[in-house]
Amino acid sequence: WLLCAIIFMWTPPHFWALSLYTSEDYEKAGVPMMPVVAGSASTRRQIFIYSLLFVPLCLVPAFTGLGGSAYLAVAGLGGAVFLILAWRVLRSKAGDSPDPRVDGRLYDVRAGAKDARNLFAFSILYLSLMFATLLVEALIGAPAFMNLIPGAA
């Protein structure tokens, strides 16, 4: 259930970041993504709020016996980066202006939407690293983080 909750809380900031830098495409297609129906500023605020809830949730497996020290390091350091990127999205103008893409290459985005693209891309890496770390720790039999704390087990 905990891993499902992590994915559940990861989904909004991940997809809203995507929708911020592709909002024109969603609007043209008539897809009611958050920036289209609630506006870009609201979407940026919601990304930050969800990120503030998501990152602490990612630390919980280390304190329930599910994750070990490596997991705690990945979740903690990656979570700090995630929050910095979410803060940058909040402070950006992502989704506000229809300025053209730089030169039409695959990863080119409007200048104001680069922070949203960066959060979107990092969120994939962050979730993958956390789950891969849990898997590797389980496969090698690494001790749970709580077992490393004297008197906690």
Protein backbone atom coordinates (compact mmCIF):
# COMPACT_ATOMS: atom_id res chain seq x y z
CA TRP A 1 0.00 0.00 0.00
CA LEU A 2 2.83 2.35 0.79
CA LEU A 3 4.38 1.98 -2.66
CA CYS A 4 0.98 2.57 -4.26
CA ALA A 5 0.59 5.73 -2.16
CA ILE A 6 3.98 6.94 -3.38
CA ILE A 7 2.96 6.44 -7.00
CA PHE A 8 -0.41 8.07 -6.32
CA MET A 9 1.27 11.19 -4.90
CA TRP A 10 3.94 11.22 -7.62
CA THR A 11 1.44 11.25 -10.46
CA PRO A 12 0.01 14.80 -10.14
CA PRO A 13 3.29 16.75 -10.07
CA HIS A 14 4.70 14.51 -12.79
CA PHE A 15 1.83 14.89 -15.25
CA TRP A 16 1.01 18.50 -14.38
CA ALA A 17 4.64 19.40 -15.12
CA LEU A 18 4.25 17.68 -18.50
CA SER A 19 0.99 19.49 -19.13
CA LEU A 20 2.57 22.87 -18.33
CA TYR A 21 5.12 22.63 -21.09
CA THR A 22 2.71 21.09 -23.58
CA SER A 23 -0.44 23.00 -22.56
CA GLU A 24 -0.95 24.44 -26.05
CA ASP A 25 -1.09 20.92 -27.48
CA TYR A 26 -3.62 19.81 -24.86
CA GLU A 27 -5.74 22.90 -25.48
CA LYS A 28 -5.73 22.37 -29.27
CA ALA A 29 -6.74 18.73 -28.78
CA GLY A 30 -9.48 19.63 -26.30
CA VAL A 31 -7.92 17.60 -23.49
CA PRO A 32 -8.92 19.12 -20.12
CA MET A 33 -5.53 19.03 -18.38
CA MET A 34 -5.13 21.28 -15.34
CA PRO A 35 -3.39 24.22 -17.06
CA VAL A 36 -6.18 24.30 -19.64
CA VAL A 37 -9.06 24.24 -17.14
CA ALA A 38 -7.56 25.90 -14.03
CA GLY A 39 -4.73 27.99 -15.46
CA SER A 40 -0.98 27.76 -15.30
CA ALA A 41 -0.52 29.63 -12.01
CA SER A 42 -2.92 27.29 -10.23
CA THR A 43 -1.17 24.28 -11.74
CA ARG A 44 2.23 25.50 -10.57
CA ARG A 45 0.90 25.98 -7.02
CA GLN A 46 -0.68 22.52 -7.00
CA ILE A 47 2.58 20.95 -8.21
CA PHE A 48 4.41 22.52 -5.29
CA ILE A 49 1.77 21.53 -2.71
CA TYR A 50 1.71 17.92 -3.93
CA SER A 51 5.53 17.88 -3.93
CA LEU A 52 5.57 18.99 -0.30
CA LEU A 53 3.36 16.00 0.54
CA PHE A 54 5.04 13.55 -1.83
CA VAL A 55 8.68 13.90 -0.75
CA PRO A 56 8.14 13.12 2.98
CA LEU A 57 5.97 10.15 1.97
CA CYS A 58 8.95 8.81 -0.01
CA LEU A 59 10.99 8.67 3.21
CA VAL A 60 8.44 6.52 5.05
CA PRO A 61 9.63 3.13 3.66
CA ALA A 62 12.96 3.60 5.43
CA PHE A 63 11.17 3.98 8.76
CA THR A 64 8.79 1.05 8.31
CA GLY A 65 11.41 -1.62 7.65
CA LEU A 66 10.80 -1.66 3.90
CA GLY A 67 13.87 0.34 2.86
CA GLY A 68 17.46 0.42 4.00
CA SER A 69 20.16 3.07 4.26
CA ALA A 70 20.69 3.28 0.51
CA TYR A 71 16.97 3.80 -0.01
CA LEU A 72 16.89 6.55 2.60
CA ALA A 73 19.83 8.29 0.90
CA VAL A 74 18.24 8.06 -2.56
CA ALA A 75 14.82 9.16 -1.31
CA GLY A 76 16.26 11.98 0.79
CA LEU A 77 18.73 13.43 -1.70
CA GLY A 78 16.41 12.90 -4.64
CA GLY A 79 13.55 14.41 -2.65
CA ALA A 80 15.60 17.52 -1.99
CA VAL A 81 16.25 17.88 -5.73
CA PHE A 82 12.56 17.22 -6.46
CA LEU A 83 11.53 20.03 -4.08
CA ILE A 84 14.06 22.43 -5.58
CA LEU A 85 12.73 21.69 -9.05
CA ALA A 86 9.12 22.05 -7.87
CA TRP A 87 10.03 25.40 -6.29
CA ARG A 88 11.55 26.51 -9.59
CA VAL A 89 8.34 25.55 -11.38
CA LEU A 90 6.32 27.52 -8.83
CA ARG A 91 8.49 30.60 -9.41
CA SER A 92 8.53 30.17 -13.21
CA LYS A 93 6.09 31.31 -15.86
CA ALA A 94 5.68 27.78 -17.23
CA GLY A 95 2.50 27.51 -19.25
CA ASP A 96 1.82 31.26 -19.27
CA SER A 97 3.03 32.35 -22.67
CA PRO A 98 2.70 30.82 -26.09
CA ASP A 99 6.26 31.75 -27.17
CA PRO A 100 7.57 29.35 -29.82
CA ARG A 101 9.80 26.38 -29.23
CA VAL A 102 13.45 27.03 -29.86
CA ASP A 103 14.05 25.02 -33.04
CA GLY A 104 11.55 22.18 -33.02
CA ARG A 105 13.83 19.42 -31.77
CA LEU A 106 12.28 16.72 -29.60
CA TYR A 107 13.22 18.19 -26.20
CA ASP A 108 13.01 21.87 -27.05
CA VAL A 109 10.39 23.72 -25.06
CA ARG A 110 9.31 27.31 -24.63
CA ALA A 111 11.88 29.26 -22.66
CA GLY A 112 9.49 29.76 -19.73
CA ALA A 113 8.61 26.07 -19.56
CA LYS A 114 12.09 24.59 -19.08
CA ASP A 115 11.60 24.27 -15.32
CA ALA A 116 8.43 22.23 -15.87
CA ARG A 117 10.24 19.99 -18.36
CA ASN A 118 13.10 19.49 -15.90
CA LEU A 119 10.74 18.49 -13.09
CA PHE A 120 8.89 16.12 -15.41
CA ALA A 121 12.12 14.43 -16.51
CA PHE A 122 13.59 14.25 -13.00
CA SER A 123 10.39 12.81 -11.56
CA ILE A 124 10.77 9.75 -13.79
CA LEU A 125 14.36 9.28 -12.66
CA TYR A 126 13.50 9.82 -8.99
CA LEU A 127 10.69 7.27 -8.90
CA SER A 128 12.76 4.74 -10.84
CA LEU A 129 15.80 5.14 -8.58
CA MET A 130 13.73 4.76 -5.42
CA PHE A 131 12.03 1.59 -6.60
CA ALA A 132 15.26 0.16 -8.04
CA THR A 133 17.01 0.81 -4.74
CA LEU A 134 14.26 -1.01 -2.84
CA LEU A 135 14.60 -3.94 -5.23
CA VAL A 136 18.39 -4.11 -5.02
CA GLU A 137 18.32 -3.88 -1.23
CA ALA A 138 15.83 -6.75 -1.09
CA LEU A 139 17.84 -8.87 -3.54
CA ILE A 140 21.13 -8.48 -1.67
CA GLY A 141 19.52 -8.81 1.75
CA ALA A 142 20.51 -5.35 2.95
CA PRO A 143 19.28 -4.64 6.46
CA ALA A 144 16.30 -2.34 6.88
CA PHE A 145 17.24 1.13 8.04
CA MET A 146 15.28 0.70 11.27
CA ASN A 147 17.37 -2.39 12.11
CA LEU A 148 20.51 -0.25 12.02
CA ILE A 149 19.26 2.04 14.79
CA PRO A 150 20.03 0.65 18.26
CA GLY A 151 16.86 0.00 20.22
CA ALA A 152 14.55 0.76 17.28
CA ALA A 153 13.95 -2.79 16.11
